[in-house]
Amino acid sequence: MNTHVLDTRIPPPVVALIVALLMWNASAWWPVLDLPAWRIPLVLLLVAAGAALDLSGLWAFHRAKTTVNPMKPDKTSSLVSSGVYRLTRNPMYLGLAFFLSAGAVMLWSPLALLGPPAFVAYINRFQIKPEERVMRERFGEAYTDYCARVRRWF
């Protein structure tokens, strides 16, 4: 087992908040580009998509009566593969990435645009991979089959 001190140590919403703050700070270093007229509708669309993904993921976990605590993947009591989990294995993280993307579009600074990919890279390595190890141990072939059917992000 390949573990790291950061594995499942920082809650994903906190990671997203740190990235958002870095994006905001970075945008001061590299000013806003020309602001396209379609920017605000895109921001609203990304926020709505992020909220829908987060809320539907939470609702699916609630219905399955399993933990939503990303810091304790070993407390997972059931494999959730219905609802939004038929489309993506990580709708709540995808929702956070959409929120960060909305922020990047709103700030419209080249450095801020690096925030969402940085979040995805961090979450892949220090949150999702450790969660996947636990899920494979806990649910075995059922989880492996699920991974073969459903993509990690989208």
N, C-alpha and C. Protein backbone atom coordinates (compact mmCIF):
# COMPACT_ATOMS: atom_id res chain seq x y z
N MET A 1 0.85 -1.18 0.00
CA MET A 1 0.00 0.00 0.00
C MET A 1 0.89 1.24 0.00
N ASN A 2 0.63 2.13 -0.94
CA ASN A 2 1.40 3.34 -1.11
C ASN A 2 0.66 4.50 -0.45
N THR A 3 1.07 4.89 0.75
CA THR A 3 0.37 5.97 1.44
C THR A 3 1.29 7.18 1.61
N HIS A 4 0.67 8.29 1.84
CA HIS A 4 1.38 9.56 2.00
C HIS A 4 0.75 10.29 3.19
N VAL A 5 1.52 11.12 3.83
CA VAL A 5 1.03 11.84 5.00
C VAL A 5 -0.19 12.70 4.68
N LEU A 6 -0.35 13.15 3.43
CA LEU A 6 -1.49 14.00 3.06
C LEU A 6 -2.73 13.20 2.65
N ASP A 7 -2.61 11.87 2.52
CA ASP A 7 -3.76 11.06 2.11
C ASP A 7 -4.94 11.29 3.04
N THR A 8 -6.04 11.74 2.49
CA THR A 8 -7.31 12.01 3.17
C THR A 8 -7.15 12.84 4.45
N ARG A 9 -6.21 13.76 4.47
CA ARG A 9 -5.97 14.58 5.66
C ARG A 9 -6.64 15.95 5.61
N ILE A 10 -6.78 16.50 4.43
CA ILE A 10 -7.39 17.84 4.31
C ILE A 10 -8.74 17.66 3.63
N PRO A 11 -9.82 18.08 4.28
CA PRO A 11 -11.14 17.92 3.68
C PRO A 11 -11.20 18.59 2.31
N PRO A 12 -11.77 17.92 1.30
CA PRO A 12 -11.84 18.49 -0.04
C PRO A 12 -12.44 19.89 -0.11
N PRO A 13 -13.49 20.23 0.67
CA PRO A 13 -13.96 21.62 0.62
C PRO A 13 -12.89 22.62 1.09
N VAL A 14 -12.05 22.20 2.04
CA VAL A 14 -10.96 23.08 2.51
C VAL A 14 -9.91 23.22 1.40
N VAL A 15 -9.59 22.12 0.72
CA VAL A 15 -8.67 22.19 -0.41
C VAL A 15 -9.22 23.17 -1.45
N ALA A 16 -10.51 23.06 -1.76
CA ALA A 16 -11.14 23.95 -2.74
C ALA A 16 -11.05 25.41 -2.27
N LEU A 17 -11.29 25.66 -1.00
CA LEU A 17 -11.20 27.02 -0.46
C LEU A 17 -9.77 27.56 -0.57
N ILE A 18 -8.78 26.74 -0.25
CA ILE A 18 -7.38 27.16 -0.38
C ILE A 18 -7.07 27.49 -1.84
N VAL A 19 -7.50 26.64 -2.75
CA VAL A 19 -7.26 26.88 -4.18
C VAL A 19 -7.96 28.17 -4.60
N ALA A 20 -9.20 28.38 -4.14
CA ALA A 20 -9.93 29.60 -4.50
C ALA A 20 -9.19 30.84 -4.01
N LEU A 21 -8.67 30.79 -2.79
CA LEU A 21 -7.92 31.92 -2.26
C LEU A 21 -6.63 32.16 -3.05
N LEU A 22 -5.96 31.08 -3.44
CA LEU A 22 -4.76 31.22 -4.27
C LEU A 22 -5.11 31.80 -5.64
N MET A 23 -6.25 31.38 -6.20
CA MET A 23 -6.69 31.92 -7.49
C MET A 23 -6.95 33.42 -7.38
N TRP A 24 -7.64 33.80 -6.32
CA TRP A 24 -7.97 35.21 -6.12
C TRP A 24 -6.69 36.03 -5.95
N ASN A 25 -5.76 35.51 -5.15
CA ASN A 25 -4.49 36.21 -4.94
C ASN A 25 -3.68 36.27 -6.24
N ALA A 26 -3.66 35.16 -6.97
CA ALA A 26 -2.90 35.12 -8.23
C ALA A 26 -3.47 36.08 -9.26
N SER A 27 -4.77 36.29 -9.22
CA SER A 27 -5.39 37.19 -10.21
C SER A 27 -4.91 38.62 -10.03
N ALA A 28 -4.44 38.97 -8.83
CA ALA A 28 -3.90 40.31 -8.60
C ALA A 28 -2.53 40.46 -9.28
N TRP A 29 -1.83 39.35 -9.47
CA TRP A 29 -0.51 39.38 -10.11
C TRP A 29 -0.61 39.50 -11.62
N TRP A 30 -1.67 38.90 -12.15
CA TRP A 30 -1.86 38.94 -13.61
C TRP A 30 -3.28 39.43 -13.83
N PRO A 31 -3.43 40.66 -14.20
CA PRO A 31 -4.76 41.27 -14.25
C PRO A 31 -5.73 40.56 -15.20
N VAL A 32 -6.95 40.94 -15.04
CA VAL A 32 -8.06 40.39 -15.81
C VAL A 32 -7.83 40.63 -17.30
N LEU A 33 -8.16 39.62 -18.07
CA LEU A 33 -8.13 39.75 -19.52
C LEU A 33 -9.37 40.54 -19.96
N ASP A 34 -9.50 40.79 -21.23
CA ASP A 34 -10.73 41.43 -21.74
C ASP A 34 -11.93 40.59 -21.30
N LEU A 35 -12.93 41.24 -20.78
CA LEU A 35 -14.08 40.53 -20.23
C LEU A 35 -15.13 40.26 -21.31
N PRO A 36 -15.30 38.99 -21.69
CA PRO A 36 -16.32 38.67 -22.69
C PRO A 36 -17.73 38.80 -22.10
N ALA A 37 -18.68 39.11 -22.94
CA ALA A 37 -20.07 39.30 -22.50
C ALA A 37 -20.68 38.02 -21.96
N TRP A 38 -20.22 36.87 -22.43
CA TRP A 38 -20.79 35.58 -22.02
C TRP A 38 -20.24 35.08 -20.69
N ARG A 39 -19.33 35.83 -20.08
CA ARG A 39 -18.68 35.39 -18.85
C ARG A 39 -19.67 35.14 -17.71
N ILE A 40 -20.55 36.07 -17.43
CA ILE A 40 -21.47 35.93 -16.30
C ILE A 40 -22.45 34.77 -16.49
N PRO A 41 -23.08 34.60 -17.67
CA PRO A 41 -23.93 33.42 -17.85
C PRO A 41 -23.16 32.11 -17.66
N LEU A 42 -21.90 32.06 -18.10
CA LEU A 42 -21.10 30.85 -17.91
C LEU A 42 -20.83 30.60 -16.43
N VAL A 43 -20.52 31.65 -15.69
CA VAL A 43 -20.31 31.52 -14.25
C VAL A 43 -21.56 30.95 -13.58
N LEU A 44 -22.71 31.49 -13.93
CA LEU A 44 -23.97 31.02 -13.34
C LEU A 44 -24.24 29.56 -13.70
N LEU A 45 -23.97 29.18 -14.93
CA LEU A 45 -24.15 27.80 -15.36
C LEU A 45 -23.21 26.85 -14.59
N LEU A 46 -21.95 27.25 -14.42
CA LEU A 46 -20.99 26.42 -13.68
C LEU A 46 -21.37 26.28 -12.21
N VAL A 47 -21.84 27.36 -11.60
CA VAL A 47 -22.28 27.31 -10.20
C VAL A 47 -23.50 26.40 -10.07
N ALA A 48 -24.45 26.52 -10.98
CA ALA A 48 -25.65 25.66 -10.93
C ALA A 48 -25.27 24.19 -11.12
N ALA A 49 -24.37 23.90 -12.05
CA ALA A 49 -23.94 22.52 -12.27
C ALA A 49 -23.20 21.99 -11.05
N GLY A 50 -22.34 22.80 -10.46
CA GLY A 50 -21.62 22.40 -9.26
C GLY A 50 -22.56 22.10 -8.11
N ALA A 51 -23.54 22.96 -7.91
CA ALA A 51 -24.51 22.74 -6.83
C ALA A 51 -25.33 21.49 -7.09
N ALA A 52 -25.75 21.29 -8.33
CA ALA A 52 -26.54 20.09 -8.65
C ALA A 52 -25.73 18.82 -8.40
N LEU A 53 -24.48 18.82 -8.80
CA LEU A 53 -23.63 17.64 -8.58
C LEU A 53 -23.42 17.39 -7.09
N ASP A 54 -23.06 18.44 -6.34
CA ASP A 54 -22.83 18.27 -4.91
C ASP A 54 -24.07 17.79 -4.18
N LEU A 55 -25.19 18.44 -4.44
CA LEU A 55 -26.42 18.08 -3.74
C LEU A 55 -26.92 16.69 -4.12
N SER A 56 -26.83 16.32 -5.40
CA SER A 56 -27.28 14.99 -5.79
C SER A 56 -26.36 13.91 -5.24
N GLY A 57 -25.06 14.19 -5.13
CA GLY A 57 -24.14 13.24 -4.51
C GLY A 57 -24.44 13.06 -3.03
N LEU A 58 -24.66 14.16 -2.34
CA LEU A 58 -25.01 14.09 -0.92
C LEU A 58 -26.33 13.34 -0.71
N TRP A 59 -27.30 13.61 -1.55
CA TRP A 59 -28.60 12.96 -1.45
C TRP A 59 -28.48 11.45 -1.65
N ALA A 60 -27.68 11.04 -2.62
CA ALA A 60 -27.49 9.60 -2.88
C ALA A 60 -26.83 8.92 -1.69
N PHE A 61 -25.86 9.57 -1.07
CA PHE A 61 -25.23 9.00 0.13
C PHE A 61 -26.23 8.93 1.28
N HIS A 62 -27.03 9.98 1.43
CA HIS A 62 -28.04 10.00 2.49
C HIS A 62 -29.03 8.85 2.31
N ARG A 63 -29.51 8.64 1.08
CA ARG A 63 -30.45 7.55 0.81
C ARG A 63 -29.83 6.20 1.09
N ALA A 64 -28.54 6.05 0.82
CA ALA A 64 -27.86 4.78 1.04
C ALA A 64 -27.42 4.62 2.50
N LYS A 65 -27.64 5.65 3.30
CA LYS A 65 -27.27 5.64 4.72
C LYS A 65 -25.79 5.30 4.91
N THR A 66 -24.94 5.95 4.13
CA THR A 66 -23.50 5.77 4.26
C THR A 66 -22.85 7.12 4.54
N THR A 67 -21.63 7.09 5.00
CA THR A 67 -20.95 8.32 5.41
C THR A 67 -20.63 9.23 4.22
N VAL A 68 -20.72 10.51 4.46
CA VAL A 68 -20.29 11.49 3.47
C VAL A 68 -18.94 12.09 3.87
N ASN A 69 -18.37 11.60 4.97
CA ASN A 69 -17.11 12.12 5.49
C ASN A 69 -15.94 11.61 4.65
N PRO A 70 -15.33 12.47 3.85
CA PRO A 70 -14.23 12.03 3.00
C PRO A 70 -12.95 11.71 3.78
N MET A 71 -12.91 12.10 5.05
CA MET A 71 -11.73 11.85 5.87
C MET A 71 -11.74 10.42 6.42
N LYS A 72 -12.86 9.75 6.34
CA LYS A 72 -13.01 8.40 6.91
C LYS A 72 -13.59 7.45 5.88
N PRO A 73 -12.90 7.19 4.77
CA PRO A 73 -13.46 6.29 3.76
C PRO A 73 -13.69 4.88 4.28
N ASP A 74 -12.98 4.49 5.34
CA ASP A 74 -13.17 3.16 5.91
C ASP A 74 -14.52 3.01 6.63
N LYS A 75 -15.23 4.10 6.83
CA LYS A 75 -16.55 4.06 7.46
C LYS A 75 -17.68 3.86 6.44
N THR A 76 -17.32 3.76 5.17
CA THR A 76 -18.31 3.56 4.11
C THR A 76 -19.03 2.24 4.33
N SER A 77 -20.36 2.30 4.33
CA SER A 77 -21.14 1.08 4.59
C SER A 77 -21.76 0.48 3.35
N SER A 78 -21.80 1.24 2.25
CA SER A 78 -22.38 0.69 1.03
C SER A 78 -21.76 1.36 -0.20
N LEU A 79 -21.76 0.61 -1.29
CA LEU A 79 -21.27 1.12 -2.57
C LEU A 79 -22.44 1.82 -3.26
N VAL A 80 -22.33 3.12 -3.44
CA VAL A 80 -23.38 3.91 -4.08
C VAL A 80 -23.07 4.00 -5.57
N SER A 81 -23.95 3.45 -6.39
CA SER A 81 -23.72 3.46 -7.84
C SER A 81 -24.97 3.88 -8.61
N SER A 82 -25.93 4.45 -7.91
CA SER A 82 -27.16 4.90 -8.56
C SER A 82 -27.21 6.42 -8.59
N GLY A 83 -28.22 6.95 -9.24
CA GLY A 83 -28.37 8.39 -9.34
C GLY A 83 -27.19 8.99 -10.09
N VAL A 84 -26.66 10.08 -9.59
CA VAL A 84 -25.56 10.77 -10.24
C VAL A 84 -24.30 9.89 -10.29
N TYR A 85 -24.24 8.89 -9.42
CA TYR A 85 -23.09 7.99 -9.40
C TYR A 85 -23.08 7.03 -10.59
N ARG A 86 -24.10 7.06 -11.41
CA ARG A 86 -24.08 6.32 -12.68
C ARG A 86 -23.29 7.09 -13.73
N LEU A 87 -23.10 8.40 -13.51
CA LEU A 87 -22.41 9.27 -14.47
C LEU A 87 -20.96 9.55 -14.10
N THR A 88 -20.69 9.66 -12.82
CA THR A 88 -19.36 9.99 -12.32
C THR A 88 -19.17 9.35 -10.95
N ARG A 89 -17.97 8.86 -10.68
CA ARG A 89 -17.70 8.25 -9.37
C ARG A 89 -17.48 9.30 -8.29
N ASN A 90 -17.28 10.55 -8.68
CA ASN A 90 -16.95 11.60 -7.71
C ASN A 90 -17.73 12.88 -7.95
N PRO A 91 -19.05 12.83 -7.88
CA PRO A 91 -19.83 14.03 -8.20
C PRO A 91 -19.58 15.19 -7.26
N MET A 92 -19.30 14.91 -5.99
CA MET A 92 -19.10 16.01 -5.06
C MET A 92 -17.78 16.73 -5.34
N TYR A 93 -16.74 15.98 -5.70
CA TYR A 93 -15.47 16.61 -6.06
C TYR A 93 -15.60 17.32 -7.40
N LEU A 94 -16.34 16.73 -8.31
CA LEU A 94 -16.60 17.37 -9.60
C LEU A 94 -17.36 18.68 -9.39
N GLY A 95 -18.32 18.67 -8.46
CA GLY A 95 -19.06 19.89 -8.13
C GLY A 95 -18.13 20.99 -7.62
N LEU A 96 -17.18 20.61 -6.75
CA LEU A 96 -16.21 21.59 -6.26
C LEU A 96 -15.34 22.12 -7.40
N ALA A 97 -14.97 21.23 -8.32
CA ALA A 97 -14.18 21.67 -9.48
C ALA A 97 -14.99 22.64 -10.34
N PHE A 98 -16.31 22.42 -10.46
CA PHE A 98 -17.16 23.35 -11.20
C PHE A 98 -17.22 24.70 -10.49
N PHE A 99 -17.32 24.70 -9.16
CA PHE A 99 -17.33 25.97 -8.42
C PHE A 99 -16.02 26.73 -8.66
N LEU A 100 -14.89 26.00 -8.60
CA LEU A 100 -13.60 26.64 -8.85
C LEU A 100 -13.51 27.15 -10.29
N SER A 101 -14.07 26.40 -11.21
CA SER A 101 -14.08 26.84 -12.61
C SER A 101 -14.90 28.12 -12.76
N ALA A 102 -16.00 28.19 -12.03
CA ALA A 102 -16.81 29.42 -12.05
C ALA A 102 -15.99 30.59 -11.52
N GLY A 103 -15.25 30.35 -10.44
CA GLY A 103 -14.39 31.40 -9.90
C GLY A 103 -13.31 31.82 -10.87
N ALA A 104 -12.72 30.85 -11.57
CA ALA A 104 -11.68 31.16 -12.55
C ALA A 104 -12.25 31.99 -13.69
N VAL A 105 -13.45 31.65 -14.14
CA VAL A 105 -14.08 32.41 -15.22
C VAL A 105 -14.43 33.81 -14.71
N MET A 106 -14.90 33.90 -13.48
CA MET A 106 -15.26 35.21 -12.92
C MET A 106 -14.02 36.10 -12.80
N LEU A 107 -12.91 35.53 -12.31
CA LEU A 107 -11.68 36.31 -12.17
C LEU A 107 -11.04 36.62 -13.52
N TRP A 108 -11.22 35.71 -14.46
CA TRP A 108 -10.75 35.83 -15.84
C TRP A 108 -9.29 36.29 -15.92
N SER A 109 -8.47 35.63 -15.11
CA SER A 109 -7.03 35.89 -15.10
C SER A 109 -6.31 34.60 -15.49
N PRO A 110 -5.28 34.67 -16.31
CA PRO A 110 -4.57 33.45 -16.72
C PRO A 110 -4.10 32.60 -15.54
N LEU A 111 -3.58 33.22 -14.49
CA LEU A 111 -3.12 32.44 -13.35
C LEU A 111 -4.28 31.78 -12.60
N ALA A 112 -5.40 32.46 -12.51
CA ALA A 112 -6.57 31.89 -11.82
C ALA A 112 -7.09 30.66 -12.57
N LEU A 113 -6.91 30.64 -13.89
CA LEU A 113 -7.38 29.50 -14.68
C LEU A 113 -6.63 28.21 -14.36
N LEU A 114 -5.49 28.32 -13.68
CA LEU A 114 -4.73 27.13 -13.27
C LEU A 114 -5.32 26.47 -12.02
N GLY A 115 -6.19 27.16 -11.32
CA GLY A 115 -6.74 26.64 -10.07
C GLY A 115 -7.52 25.33 -10.21
N PRO A 116 -8.51 25.26 -11.09
CA PRO A 116 -9.27 24.00 -11.19
C PRO A 116 -8.41 22.79 -11.55
N PRO A 117 -7.48 22.88 -12.52
CA PRO A 117 -6.64 21.70 -12.76
C PRO A 117 -5.75 21.34 -11.56
N ALA A 118 -5.30 22.34 -10.82
CA ALA A 118 -4.49 22.06 -9.62
C ALA A 118 -5.34 21.33 -8.58
N PHE A 119 -6.59 21.76 -8.41
CA PHE A 119 -7.50 21.08 -7.48
C PHE A 119 -7.70 19.63 -7.89
N VAL A 120 -7.97 19.40 -9.16
CA VAL A 120 -8.21 18.04 -9.66
C VAL A 120 -6.98 17.17 -9.43
N ALA A 121 -5.81 17.70 -9.71
CA ALA A 121 -4.57 16.93 -9.52
C ALA A 121 -4.39 16.56 -8.05
N TYR A 122 -4.59 17.53 -7.15
CA TYR A 122 -4.43 17.26 -5.72
C TYR A 122 -5.47 16.23 -5.25
N ILE A 123 -6.72 16.43 -5.60
CA ILE A 123 -7.79 15.54 -5.15
C ILE A 123 -7.58 14.13 -5.71
N ASN A 124 -7.15 14.03 -6.97
CA ASN A 124 -6.87 12.71 -7.53
C ASN A 124 -5.84 11.96 -6.69
N ARG A 125 -4.74 12.64 -6.36
CA ARG A 125 -3.64 11.99 -5.68
C ARG A 125 -3.90 11.75 -4.19
N PHE A 126 -4.38 12.75 -3.49
CA PHE A 126 -4.43 12.66 -2.04
C PHE A 126 -5.80 12.34 -1.46
N GLN A 127 -6.84 12.31 -2.29
CA GLN A 127 -8.17 11.98 -1.79
C GLN A 127 -8.75 10.77 -2.52
N ILE A 128 -8.84 10.85 -3.83
CA ILE A 128 -9.52 9.81 -4.59
C ILE A 128 -8.75 8.49 -4.57
N LYS A 129 -7.46 8.53 -4.84
CA LYS A 129 -6.70 7.27 -4.86
C LYS A 129 -6.74 6.55 -3.52
N PRO A 130 -6.57 7.24 -2.39
CA PRO A 130 -6.72 6.54 -1.11
C PRO A 130 -8.15 6.00 -0.89
N GLU A 131 -9.14 6.77 -1.30
CA GLU A 131 -10.53 6.29 -1.19
C GLU A 131 -10.72 5.03 -2.03
N GLU A 132 -10.18 5.04 -3.24
CA GLU A 132 -10.34 3.89 -4.13
C GLU A 132 -9.68 2.64 -3.55
N ARG A 133 -8.53 2.81 -2.89
CA ARG A 133 -7.89 1.65 -2.23
C ARG A 133 -8.84 1.03 -1.20
N VAL A 134 -9.44 1.89 -0.39
CA VAL A 134 -10.36 1.41 0.64
C VAL A 134 -11.59 0.75 0.01
N MET A 135 -12.13 1.37 -1.02
CA MET A 135 -13.32 0.83 -1.68
C MET A 135 -13.03 -0.54 -2.31
N ARG A 136 -11.84 -0.71 -2.91
CA ARG A 136 -11.48 -2.02 -3.48
C ARG A 136 -11.37 -3.08 -2.39
N GLU A 137 -10.78 -2.70 -1.26
CA GLU A 137 -10.66 -3.65 -0.14
C GLU A 137 -12.04 -4.01 0.40
N ARG A 138 -12.90 -3.02 0.52
CA ARG A 138 -14.20 -3.22 1.15
C ARG A 138 -15.21 -3.90 0.23
N PHE A 139 -15.22 -3.54 -1.06
CA PHE A 139 -16.28 -4.03 -1.96
C PHE A 139 -15.78 -4.93 -3.09
N GLY A 140 -14.47 -5.11 -3.19
CA GLY A 140 -13.89 -6.07 -4.11
C GLY A 140 -14.33 -5.92 -5.56
N GLU A 141 -14.79 -7.04 -6.12
CA GLU A 141 -15.14 -7.10 -7.54
C GLU A 141 -16.30 -6.16 -7.90
N ALA A 142 -17.22 -5.96 -6.98
CA ALA A 142 -18.33 -5.04 -7.25
C ALA A 142 -17.79 -3.63 -7.53
N TYR A 143 -16.78 -3.22 -6.77
CA TYR A 143 -16.20 -1.90 -6.99
C TYR A 143 -15.39 -1.87 -8.28
N THR A 144 -14.65 -2.92 -8.54
CA THR A 144 -13.87 -3.01 -9.78
C THR A 144 -14.79 -2.93 -10.99
N ASP A 145 -15.92 -3.63 -10.95
CA ASP A 145 -16.89 -3.58 -12.04
C ASP A 145 -17.47 -2.17 -12.19
N TYR A 146 -17.77 -1.55 -11.07
CA TYR A 146 -18.30 -0.18 -11.08
C TYR A 146 -17.28 0.77 -11.74
N CYS A 147 -16.00 0.64 -11.37
CA CYS A 147 -14.96 1.50 -11.96
C CYS A 147 -14.84 1.28 -13.47
N ALA A 148 -15.08 0.06 -13.91
CA ALA A 148 -15.00 -0.22 -15.33
C ALA A 148 -16.16 0.42 -16.10
N ARG A 149 -17.29 0.61 -15.43
CA ARG A 149 -18.49 1.20 -16.06
C ARG A 149 -18.54 2.72 -15.98
N VAL A 150 -18.01 3.28 -14.90
CA VAL A 150 -18.21 4.72 -14.61
C VAL A 150 -16.85 5.40 -14.48
N ARG A 151 -16.70 6.50 -15.15
CA ARG A 151 -15.45 7.25 -15.11
C ARG A 151 -15.26 7.96 -13.76
N ARG A 152 -14.02 8.23 -13.44
CA ARG A 152 -13.68 8.89 -12.18
C ARG A 152 -14.28 10.30 -12.13
N TRP A 153 -14.15 11.07 -13.19
CA TRP A 153 -14.64 12.44 -13.17
C TRP A 153 -15.87 12.61 -14.04
N PHE A 154 -15.78 12.39 -15.32
CA PHE A 154 -16.94 12.53 -16.20
C PHE A 154 -16.65 11.93 -17.53
